[in-house]
N, C-alpha and C. Protein backbone atom coordinates (compact mmCIF):
# COMPACT_ATOMS: atom_id res chain seq x y z
N MET A 1 -2.25 -21.00 -5.13
CA MET A 1 -1.76 -21.58 -6.72
C MET A 1 -2.97 -21.20 -7.54
N ALA A 2 -2.48 -20.92 -8.88
CA ALA A 2 -2.92 -20.70 -9.81
C ALA A 2 -3.71 -21.66 -10.49
N PRO A 3 -4.79 -22.29 -11.04
CA PRO A 3 -5.25 -23.46 -11.64
C PRO A 3 -4.80 -23.76 -12.66
N TYR A 4 -4.69 -25.30 -12.61
CA TYR A 4 -4.19 -26.10 -13.53
C TYR A 4 -4.33 -25.77 -15.22
N GLY A 5 -3.61 -25.12 -16.03
CA GLY A 5 -3.68 -24.75 -16.86
C GLY A 5 -3.24 -23.15 -17.13
N PHE A 6 -3.23 -22.33 -16.61
CA PHE A 6 -3.15 -21.00 -16.27
C PHE A 6 -1.34 -20.90 -16.39
N SER A 7 -1.10 -19.92 -16.98
CA SER A 7 0.88 -19.73 -17.34
C SER A 7 1.02 -19.42 -15.82
N ARG A 8 2.49 -19.98 -15.49
CA ARG A 8 3.02 -19.95 -14.17
C ARG A 8 3.43 -18.38 -13.45
N GLU A 9 3.04 -17.43 -14.55
CA GLU A 9 2.95 -16.24 -14.12
C GLU A 9 1.12 -15.35 -13.85
N TYR A 10 0.02 -16.03 -14.42
CA TYR A 10 -0.96 -15.78 -13.58
C TYR A 10 -1.58 -16.34 -12.47
N SER A 11 -1.84 -15.40 -11.82
CA SER A 11 -2.53 -15.97 -9.92
C SER A 11 -4.28 -15.77 -10.75
N PHE A 12 -5.00 -16.83 -10.58
CA PHE A 12 -6.33 -16.58 -11.16
C PHE A 12 -7.03 -16.12 -9.57
N TRP A 13 -6.96 -15.82 -8.39
CA TRP A 13 -7.45 -15.44 -7.72
C TRP A 13 -6.67 -13.38 -7.47
N GLU A 14 -5.42 -13.75 -7.50
CA GLU A 14 -5.56 -12.24 -6.88
C GLU A 14 -4.57 -11.93 -8.22
N LYS A 15 -4.95 -11.22 -9.23
CA LYS A 15 -4.02 -10.89 -10.82
C LYS A 15 -3.35 -9.79 -10.48
N ARG A 16 -2.25 -10.19 -10.70
CA ARG A 16 -0.38 -9.49 -10.94
C ARG A 16 -0.70 -8.88 -12.43
N SER A 17 -1.01 -7.40 -12.08
CA SER A 17 -1.13 -6.62 -13.66
C SER A 17 0.54 -6.67 -14.45
N ASP A 18 1.40 -6.93 -13.01
CA ASP A 18 2.79 -6.98 -13.86
C ASP A 18 3.52 -8.05 -15.18
N THR A 19 2.70 -9.44 -14.01
CA THR A 19 2.84 -10.42 -15.58
C THR A 19 1.80 -10.86 -16.03
N TYR A 20 0.80 -10.97 -16.27
CA TYR A 20 -0.98 -11.16 -16.06
C TYR A 20 -0.77 -11.87 -18.29
N ALA A 21 -0.85 -12.89 -18.27
CA ALA A 21 -0.40 -13.43 -19.49
C ALA A 21 -1.46 -14.26 -19.48
N PRO A 22 -3.26 -14.88 -19.94
CA PRO A 22 -3.84 -16.02 -20.03
C PRO A 22 -2.93 -17.10 -20.82
N ALA A 23 -3.12 -18.14 -20.50
CA ALA A 23 -2.68 -19.26 -21.78
C ALA A 23 -3.71 -20.17 -21.31
N THR A 24 -3.81 -21.25 -22.53
CA THR A 24 -4.80 -22.36 -22.55
C THR A 24 -4.61 -23.15 -21.26
N SER A 25 -6.29 -23.66 -21.29
CA SER A 25 -5.97 -24.73 -20.33
C SER A 25 -6.35 -26.42 -21.02
N THR A 26 -6.29 -27.69 -20.60
CA THR A 26 -6.40 -28.39 -21.09
C THR A 26 -7.76 -28.79 -21.40
N HIS A 27 -8.95 -28.73 -21.38
CA HIS A 27 -10.31 -28.30 -21.04
C HIS A 27 -10.76 -27.70 -22.03
N ILE A 28 -9.76 -26.67 -22.54
CA ILE A 28 -10.17 -25.55 -23.17
C ILE A 28 -10.24 -25.63 -24.93
N LEU A 29 -8.74 -26.62 -24.49
CA LEU A 29 -8.32 -27.45 -25.70
C LEU A 29 -8.30 -27.74 -27.19
N ASN A 30 -9.04 -28.44 -26.87
CA ASN A 30 -10.85 -29.50 -27.59
C ASN A 30 -11.74 -28.54 -27.64
N LEU A 31 -11.96 -27.30 -27.66
CA LEU A 31 -13.04 -26.49 -28.40
C LEU A 31 -13.69 -26.52 -29.14
N LEU A 32 -12.07 -25.96 -30.00
CA LEU A 32 -12.25 -25.59 -31.73
C LEU A 32 -12.72 -26.60 -32.44
N PRO A 33 -11.51 -28.00 -32.03
CA PRO A 33 -11.75 -28.90 -32.99
C PRO A 33 -12.93 -29.21 -32.65
N MET A 34 -13.58 -29.02 -32.18
CA MET A 34 -14.95 -30.26 -31.52
C MET A 34 -15.57 -28.92 -31.98
N MET A 35 -15.72 -28.14 -32.31
CA MET A 35 -16.77 -27.10 -33.01
C MET A 35 -16.84 -27.08 -34.29
N TYR A 36 -15.52 -27.50 -34.79
CA TYR A 36 -15.25 -27.95 -36.08
C TYR A 36 -15.78 -29.05 -36.78
N LEU A 37 -15.56 -30.58 -35.55
CA LEU A 37 -16.18 -31.84 -36.31
C LEU A 37 -17.17 -31.47 -36.15
N GLN A 38 -17.60 -30.83 -35.48
CA GLN A 38 -19.43 -30.94 -35.14
C GLN A 38 -20.08 -30.23 -36.56
N SER A 39 -19.49 -29.48 -36.89
CA SER A 39 -19.85 -28.76 -38.44
C SER A 39 -20.31 -29.54 -39.51
N LEU A 40 -18.68 -30.38 -39.34
CA LEU A 40 -18.78 -31.61 -40.36
C LEU A 40 -20.22 -31.88 -40.17
N ALA A 41 -20.11 -32.47 -39.17
CA ALA A 41 -20.84 -34.17 -38.81
C ALA A 41 -22.78 -33.76 -39.06
N ASN A 42 -22.82 -32.11 -38.98
CA ASN A 42 -23.93 -31.86 -38.95
C ASN A 42 -24.38 -31.61 -40.54
N VAL A 43 -23.32 -32.19 -41.52
CA VAL A 43 -23.85 -32.17 -42.88
C VAL A 43 -24.30 -33.38 -43.30
N ASP A 44 -25.25 -33.75 -43.99
CA ASP A 44 -25.90 -35.10 -44.41
C ASP A 44 -25.37 -36.06 -45.19
N ASP A 45 -24.71 -35.31 -46.31
CA ASP A 45 -24.04 -35.76 -47.26
C ASP A 45 -23.66 -35.07 -48.19
N GLU A 46 -22.69 -35.95 -48.86
CA GLU A 46 -22.44 -35.07 -50.23
C GLU A 46 -23.37 -34.04 -51.33
N MET A 47 -24.74 -34.04 -51.23
CA MET A 47 -25.56 -33.24 -51.39
C MET A 47 -25.64 -32.52 -51.07
N HIS A 48 -25.83 -32.14 -49.70
CA HIS A 48 -26.17 -31.32 -48.82
C HIS A 48 -24.44 -30.26 -47.94
N HIS A 49 -24.53 -29.64 -48.27
CA HIS A 49 -23.24 -28.59 -48.40
C HIS A 49 -23.40 -27.41 -47.34
N ILE A 50 -22.41 -27.22 -46.34
CA ILE A 50 -23.05 -26.01 -45.61
C ILE A 50 -22.68 -24.53 -46.77
N SER A 51 -23.26 -23.46 -46.00
CA SER A 51 -23.19 -22.46 -47.13
C SER A 51 -22.16 -21.74 -46.58
N GLU A 52 -20.97 -21.64 -46.01
CA GLU A 52 -20.19 -21.29 -45.84
C GLU A 52 -18.93 -22.27 -45.43
N PRO A 53 -18.16 -23.00 -46.19
CA PRO A 53 -17.09 -23.51 -46.10
C PRO A 53 -16.07 -23.57 -44.86
N LEU A 54 -16.07 -24.53 -43.82
CA LEU A 54 -15.21 -24.14 -42.72
C LEU A 54 -13.66 -24.69 -42.84
N CYS A 55 -12.72 -23.88 -42.20
CA CYS A 55 -11.47 -24.15 -41.50
C CYS A 55 -11.16 -24.08 -40.27
N LEU A 56 -9.87 -25.05 -39.91
CA LEU A 56 -9.37 -24.91 -38.65
C LEU A 56 -8.01 -25.04 -38.74
N GLY A 57 -7.43 -24.22 -39.06
CA GLY A 57 -5.94 -23.44 -39.16
C GLY A 57 -5.30 -23.29 -38.13
N THR A 58 -3.64 -23.18 -38.33
CA THR A 58 -3.22 -22.73 -36.69
C THR A 58 -1.98 -21.23 -37.60
N LEU A 59 -1.63 -21.17 -36.88
CA LEU A 59 -0.92 -19.74 -37.32
C LEU A 59 -0.03 -19.30 -36.19
N ASP A 60 1.50 -19.32 -36.22
CA ASP A 60 2.27 -19.12 -35.51
C ASP A 60 2.96 -18.06 -35.24
N VAL A 61 3.55 -16.84 -35.11
CA VAL A 61 3.90 -15.52 -34.98
C VAL A 61 5.78 -16.08 -34.96
N LYS A 62 6.63 -15.59 -35.58
CA LYS A 62 7.44 -16.45 -35.26
C LYS A 62 8.81 -15.02 -34.44
N ILE A 63 8.91 -14.02 -34.49
CA ILE A 63 9.45 -13.20 -33.79
C ILE A 63 8.64 -12.22 -33.15
N LEU A 64 8.12 -11.95 -31.48
CA LEU A 64 7.41 -11.46 -30.65
C LEU A 64 8.35 -10.59 -30.68
N MET A 65 7.98 -9.00 -31.09
CA MET A 65 8.79 -7.90 -31.13
C MET A 65 7.84 -6.70 -30.25
N VAL A 66 8.00 -6.64 -29.30
CA VAL A 66 6.83 -5.75 -28.71
C VAL A 66 7.83 -4.43 -27.57
N ASP A 67 7.47 -3.76 -28.20
CA ASP A 67 7.98 -2.10 -27.40
C ASP A 67 8.49 -2.61 -25.51
N GLN A 68 8.58 -2.51 -25.07
CA GLN A 68 9.17 -1.98 -23.52
C GLN A 68 8.43 -1.25 -23.19
N PRO A 69 7.53 -1.46 -21.90
CA PRO A 69 6.70 -0.40 -21.45
C PRO A 69 7.31 0.96 -21.08
N SER A 70 8.92 0.74 -20.71
CA SER A 70 10.19 2.41 -21.09
C SER A 70 11.07 1.63 -21.17
N PRO A 71 11.77 2.19 -22.24
CA PRO A 71 13.16 1.66 -22.30
C PRO A 71 13.72 1.16 -21.37
N MET A 72 14.86 0.05 -21.47
CA MET A 72 15.56 -0.19 -20.00
C MET A 72 16.65 -0.02 -20.51
N LEU A 73 17.63 0.17 -19.63
CA LEU A 73 19.05 0.15 -19.60
C LEU A 73 20.04 -1.19 -19.07
N VAL A 74 20.55 -1.82 -19.90
CA VAL A 74 20.93 -2.86 -19.06
C VAL A 74 22.67 -2.64 -19.64
N THR A 75 23.80 -3.33 -18.02
CA THR A 75 24.79 -3.00 -18.66
C THR A 75 25.52 -4.45 -19.16
N LEU A 76 26.46 -4.26 -20.55
CA LEU A 76 27.17 -6.52 -20.02
C LEU A 76 27.60 -5.58 -21.03
N LEU A 77 29.22 -6.03 -20.07
CA LEU A 77 30.47 -6.27 -20.60
C LEU A 77 31.27 -5.18 -20.61
N GLY A 78 30.73 -4.29 -20.19
CA GLY A 78 31.24 -2.88 -19.91
C GLY A 78 30.52 -1.79 -20.36
N GLN A 79 29.41 -2.13 -21.04
CA GLN A 79 29.02 -1.70 -22.15
C GLN A 79 27.57 -1.35 -21.53
N THR A 80 26.60 0.26 -21.90
CA THR A 80 25.28 0.16 -21.66
C THR A 80 24.75 0.07 -22.87
N TYR A 81 23.65 -0.75 -22.78
CA TYR A 81 22.67 -0.27 -23.79
C TYR A 81 21.50 -0.34 -23.82
N THR A 82 20.63 0.42 -24.49
CA THR A 82 19.15 0.52 -24.45
C THR A 82 18.18 -0.52 -24.79
N VAL A 83 17.82 -1.07 -24.07
CA VAL A 83 16.61 -1.92 -24.34
C VAL A 83 15.40 -1.52 -25.05
N ARG A 84 14.94 -1.66 -25.99
CA ARG A 84 13.59 -1.04 -26.56
C ARG A 84 12.71 -1.99 -26.90
N LYS A 85 12.89 -3.22 -26.91
CA LYS A 85 11.91 -4.46 -27.53
C LYS A 85 11.82 -5.68 -26.43
N ASN A 86 10.79 -5.98 -26.28
CA ASN A 86 11.32 -6.93 -24.92
C ASN A 86 12.12 -8.27 -25.67
N LEU A 87 12.71 -8.34 -25.15
CA LEU A 87 13.63 -9.90 -25.09
C LEU A 87 13.22 -11.16 -24.76
N PRO A 88 13.42 -12.27 -25.16
CA PRO A 88 13.03 -13.26 -25.01
C PRO A 88 12.84 -13.80 -23.53
N GLY A 89 12.33 -14.66 -22.78
CA GLY A 89 12.23 -14.72 -21.31
C GLY A 89 11.95 -13.59 -20.73
N GLN A 90 11.86 -12.44 -20.84
CA GLN A 90 11.88 -11.15 -19.94
C GLN A 90 10.16 -11.23 -19.46
N ARG A 91 9.87 -11.73 -18.26
CA ARG A 91 8.78 -11.09 -17.60
C ARG A 91 8.11 -10.32 -18.20
N LEU A 92 7.95 -9.55 -18.61
CA LEU A 92 6.86 -8.13 -18.68
C LEU A 92 7.32 -9.30 -20.43
N GLY A 93 7.42 -9.79 -20.81
CA GLY A 93 7.49 -9.77 -22.47
C GLY A 93 5.54 -11.25 -22.63
N ALA A 94 5.22 -11.76 -21.77
CA ALA A 94 4.35 -12.79 -22.30
C ALA A 94 3.02 -11.69 -22.12
N ARG A 95 3.08 -10.42 -21.06
CA ARG A 95 2.37 -9.51 -21.14
C ARG A 95 1.69 -8.95 -22.61
N SER A 96 3.10 -8.47 -22.14
CA SER A 96 2.93 -7.24 -23.35
C SER A 96 2.47 -7.50 -24.61
N TRP A 97 2.89 -8.91 -25.10
CA TRP A 97 2.77 -9.70 -25.90
C TRP A 97 1.14 -10.16 -26.17
N TYR A 98 0.88 -9.89 -25.67
CA TYR A 98 -0.95 -10.66 -25.11
C TYR A 98 -1.37 -9.53 -25.47
N TRP A 99 -0.71 -8.21 -24.53
CA TRP A 99 -1.83 -7.31 -25.19
C TRP A 99 -1.86 -6.76 -26.24
N TYR A 100 -1.01 -6.57 -26.92
CA TYR A 100 0.01 -6.04 -27.93
C TYR A 100 -1.19 -6.76 -29.18
N LEU A 101 -0.98 -7.92 -28.95
CA LEU A 101 -1.83 -9.18 -30.23
C LEU A 101 -3.41 -8.86 -30.21
N ARG A 102 -3.60 -8.56 -29.11
CA ARG A 102 -5.35 -8.89 -28.44
C ARG A 102 -5.64 -6.86 -29.04
N ASP A 103 -4.63 -6.22 -28.93
CA ASP A 103 -5.39 -5.02 -29.06
C ASP A 103 -5.15 -4.96 -30.91
N PHE A 104 -4.23 -5.81 -31.66
CA PHE A 104 -4.24 -5.76 -33.13
C PHE A 104 -5.49 -6.12 -33.27
N LEU A 105 -5.86 -7.52 -32.87
CA LEU A 105 -6.93 -8.62 -33.08
C LEU A 105 -8.28 -7.52 -33.52
N SER A 106 -8.39 -7.06 -32.37
CA SER A 106 -9.70 -5.91 -31.48
C SER A 106 -9.76 -5.19 -32.90
N LYS A 107 -8.66 -4.06 -32.93
CA LYS A 107 -9.00 -3.50 -33.99
C LYS A 107 -9.06 -3.42 -35.26
N GLU A 108 -8.45 -4.73 -36.11
CA GLU A 108 -8.09 -4.80 -37.53
C GLU A 108 -9.05 -6.06 -37.62
N MET A 109 -9.69 -6.27 -36.70
CA MET A 109 -10.43 -7.73 -37.50
C MET A 109 -11.92 -7.82 -36.62
N ASP A 110 -12.13 -6.53 -35.41
CA ASP A 110 -13.43 -7.13 -34.41
C ASP A 110 -13.13 -8.01 -33.54
N PHE A 111 -12.54 -8.30 -32.85
CA PHE A 111 -12.48 -9.58 -32.02
C PHE A 111 -12.99 -9.20 -30.64
N GLU A 112 -13.82 -10.25 -30.21
CA GLU A 112 -14.34 -10.11 -28.63
C GLU A 112 -13.60 -10.91 -28.23
N TRP A 113 -13.50 -11.06 -26.76
CA TRP A 113 -12.40 -11.47 -26.31
C TRP A 113 -13.59 -12.46 -24.58
N CYS A 114 -13.29 -13.63 -24.52
CA CYS A 114 -14.00 -13.88 -23.31
C CYS A 114 -13.34 -13.72 -22.21
N LYS A 115 -14.28 -13.18 -21.24
CA LYS A 115 -13.96 -12.91 -19.80
C LYS A 115 -13.38 -13.98 -18.91
N GLU A 116 -14.03 -15.29 -19.28
CA GLU A 116 -13.98 -16.18 -18.19
C GLU A 116 -12.51 -16.97 -19.13
N GLN A 117 -12.26 -17.11 -20.28
CA GLN A 117 -11.06 -17.95 -20.87
C GLN A 117 -10.53 -16.63 -21.73
N PRO A 118 -9.96 -15.43 -21.17
CA PRO A 118 -9.20 -14.44 -22.07
C PRO A 118 -8.80 -15.24 -23.43
N CYS A 119 -8.14 -16.71 -23.31
CA CYS A 119 -7.34 -16.67 -24.63
C CYS A 119 -8.07 -16.93 -25.69
N LEU A 120 -9.52 -16.97 -25.58
CA LEU A 120 -10.69 -17.03 -26.40
C LEU A 120 -11.35 -16.14 -27.01
N ALA A 121 -11.39 -15.96 -28.30
CA ALA A 121 -12.20 -14.88 -29.05
C ALA A 121 -12.79 -15.12 -30.02
N ARG A 122 -13.79 -14.12 -30.58
CA ARG A 122 -14.56 -14.26 -31.91
C ARG A 122 -14.88 -13.50 -32.67
N ASN A 123 -15.31 -13.25 -33.52
CA ASN A 123 -15.40 -11.92 -34.68
C ASN A 123 -17.02 -12.74 -34.70
N ALA A 124 -17.79 -12.10 -36.43
CA ALA A 124 -18.62 -12.21 -37.31
C ALA A 124 -17.94 -13.54 -37.91
N HIS A 125 -17.24 -13.84 -38.30
CA HIS A 125 -16.69 -14.67 -39.03
C HIS A 125 -15.52 -16.18 -38.46
N CYS A 126 -15.17 -15.95 -37.27
CA CYS A 126 -14.51 -17.39 -36.58
C CYS A 126 -14.65 -16.55 -35.02
N CYS A 127 -13.65 -17.94 -34.38
CA CYS A 127 -13.68 -18.09 -33.33
C CYS A 127 -11.91 -18.95 -33.43
N ILE A 128 -11.56 -17.87 -32.27
CA ILE A 128 -9.65 -18.23 -32.08
C ILE A 128 -9.39 -18.61 -31.03
N MET A 129 -8.13 -19.21 -30.40
CA MET A 129 -7.60 -19.56 -29.07
C MET A 129 -6.48 -19.35 -29.28
N VAL A 130 -5.75 -18.42 -28.41
CA VAL A 130 -4.70 -18.24 -28.70
C VAL A 130 -3.68 -18.63 -27.35
N HIS A 131 -2.48 -18.72 -28.10
CA HIS A 131 -1.95 -19.60 -26.79
C HIS A 131 -0.08 -18.89 -26.78
N VAL A 132 0.28 -17.87 -26.27
CA VAL A 132 1.42 -17.18 -27.00
C VAL A 132 1.13 -16.41 -28.12
N ASP A 133 2.12 -17.19 -28.76
CA ASP A 133 2.36 -16.86 -30.20
C ASP A 133 1.81 -18.02 -31.32
N ASP A 134 1.21 -18.80 -30.94
CA ASP A 134 0.11 -19.98 -31.32
C ASP A 134 -1.46 -19.39 -31.59
N ILE A 135 -1.54 -19.53 -32.95
CA ILE A 135 -3.56 -19.04 -32.62
C ILE A 135 -4.15 -20.34 -33.52
N LEU A 136 -5.23 -21.16 -32.95
CA LEU A 136 -6.03 -21.68 -33.74
C LEU A 136 -7.38 -21.14 -33.78
N PHE A 137 -7.45 -21.07 -35.18
CA PHE A 137 -8.24 -20.58 -36.12
C PHE A 137 -9.94 -21.82 -36.50
N CYS A 138 -10.97 -21.39 -36.25
CA CYS A 138 -12.19 -22.00 -36.61
C CYS A 138 -13.01 -20.93 -37.35
N GLY A 139 -13.50 -21.20 -38.61
CA GLY A 139 -14.41 -20.33 -39.05
C GLY A 139 -13.94 -20.58 -40.41
N ASN A 140 -15.07 -19.43 -40.86
CA ASN A 140 -14.85 -19.40 -42.44
C ASN A 140 -13.65 -19.35 -43.36
N LYS A 141 -13.77 -19.75 -44.27
CA LYS A 141 -12.58 -20.26 -44.82
C LYS A 141 -11.63 -18.96 -45.94
N ASP A 142 -12.89 -18.73 -46.27
CA ASP A 142 -12.79 -17.13 -47.08
C ASP A 142 -11.86 -16.14 -46.62
N TYR A 143 -12.40 -15.95 -45.31
CA TYR A 143 -12.19 -15.83 -44.32
C TYR A 143 -10.58 -15.38 -43.42
N TRP A 144 -9.85 -16.76 -43.59
CA TRP A 144 -9.20 -17.02 -43.12
C TRP A 144 -7.96 -16.82 -44.54
N MET A 145 -8.08 -17.33 -45.44
CA MET A 145 -7.32 -16.67 -46.35
C MET A 145 -7.49 -15.53 -47.21
N LYS A 146 -8.54 -15.10 -46.73
CA LYS A 146 -8.36 -13.32 -47.75
C LYS A 146 -8.26 -11.93 -46.89
N THR A 147 -8.68 -12.28 -45.48
CA THR A 147 -8.61 -11.60 -44.41
C THR A 147 -7.47 -11.82 -43.15
N PHE A 148 -7.41 -13.01 -42.81
CA PHE A 148 -6.70 -13.27 -41.69
C PHE A 148 -5.52 -13.40 -41.53
N LEU A 149 -5.42 -14.40 -42.58
CA LEU A 149 -4.24 -14.88 -42.74
C LEU A 149 -2.97 -13.10 -43.81
N VAL A 150 -3.93 -12.39 -44.46
CA VAL A 150 -3.25 -11.32 -45.52
C VAL A 150 -3.10 -10.18 -44.19
N LYS A 151 -3.90 -9.71 -43.31
CA LYS A 151 -3.71 -9.29 -42.09
C LYS A 151 -2.27 -9.21 -41.24
N PHE A 152 -2.92 -10.89 -40.76
CA PHE A 152 -0.89 -11.25 -40.01
C PHE A 152 0.17 -10.93 -40.65
N ALA A 153 0.11 -11.77 -42.12
CA ALA A 153 1.06 -11.28 -42.77
C ALA A 153 1.75 -10.14 -43.34
N ALA A 154 0.63 -8.73 -43.24
CA ALA A 154 1.37 -7.89 -43.50
C ALA A 154 1.87 -7.08 -41.96
N LYS A 155 1.76 -7.46 -40.90
CA LYS A 155 2.16 -7.05 -39.60
C LYS A 155 3.16 -7.86 -38.97
N PHE A 156 2.95 -9.48 -39.39
CA PHE A 156 4.43 -9.66 -38.39
C PHE A 156 5.29 -11.22 -39.79
N LYS A 157 5.93 -11.67 -39.32
CA LYS A 157 6.59 -13.09 -39.74
C LYS A 157 5.46 -13.95 -39.19
N ILE A 158 4.94 -14.99 -40.08
CA ILE A 158 4.19 -16.17 -39.44
C ILE A 158 4.52 -17.38 -40.73
N SER A 159 3.94 -18.25 -39.99
CA SER A 159 3.43 -19.55 -40.52
C SER A 159 2.49 -20.13 -40.15
N TYR A 160 1.59 -21.15 -41.38
CA TYR A 160 0.46 -21.04 -40.55
C TYR A 160 0.45 -22.87 -41.55
N SER A 161 -0.52 -23.71 -40.83
CA SER A 161 -1.39 -24.84 -42.08
C SER A 161 -2.60 -24.63 -41.52
N GLU A 162 -3.10 -25.30 -42.29
CA GLU A 162 -4.85 -25.66 -42.14
C GLU A 162 -4.79 -27.15 -42.28
N LEU A 163 -5.81 -27.54 -41.75
CA LEU A 163 -6.79 -29.12 -42.02
C LEU A 163 -7.04 -29.13 -43.42
N ALA A 164 -6.92 -30.25 -43.68
CA ALA A 164 -6.77 -30.12 -45.15
C ALA A 164 -7.53 -32.04 -45.62
N GLY A 165 -8.08 -31.74 -46.37
CA GLY A 165 -8.81 -33.24 -46.74
C GLY A 165 -10.51 -33.13 -46.22
N THR A 166 -11.36 -34.63 -46.20
CA THR A 166 -12.41 -34.39 -46.46
C THR A 166 -12.71 -35.64 -44.98
N VAL A 167 -13.29 -35.02 -43.99
CA VAL A 167 -13.76 -35.79 -43.51
C VAL A 167 -15.10 -36.64 -43.28
N LYS A 168 -15.44 -38.03 -43.53
CA LYS A 168 -16.48 -38.49 -43.61
C LYS A 168 -16.91 -39.46 -42.06
N PHE A 169 -17.98 -39.17 -41.62
CA PHE A 169 -18.76 -39.57 -40.78
C PHE A 169 -20.01 -40.90 -41.55
N PRO A 170 -19.96 -41.48 -40.57
CA PRO A 170 -19.48 -41.77 -39.20
C PRO A 170 -17.84 -42.39 -39.02
N PHE A 171 -17.19 -41.98 -38.37
CA PHE A 171 -16.03 -42.42 -38.24
C PHE A 171 -15.40 -44.26 -38.54
């Protein structure tokens, strides 16, 4: 049985390369928000600002279109079709999407991936947590706006949001 929190197709002890798609787990979900809050807590008062403004943002890729490993023939109502892209719900889709996204982030934005938690990655500007097509971002606000979102929007149809407002400590 896979450890709690991993996708049902991911076997921790016996990795199945045909359906491997890491997912977030409940103990990891708190990591980036806590990093963000800890960074804000380290600011003493309004006169002492951190050198780079931080951002906690979310990004959602709207349409996951990844090529099939090899085209697949399907027959529907007597007609044969060639399927070149992964279909929603297809078992190989999650694996293909993860590796496509990981390759994009590694090549385009120099992300390094965590071996113990393959849904976590970082570069010199931020840390991210990936859960299928949702990404939680914690890092430099300028990088979020001028690089991260720009590169994603050039490649994918996306929606995003950013935590706004000021957090005062103590609560």
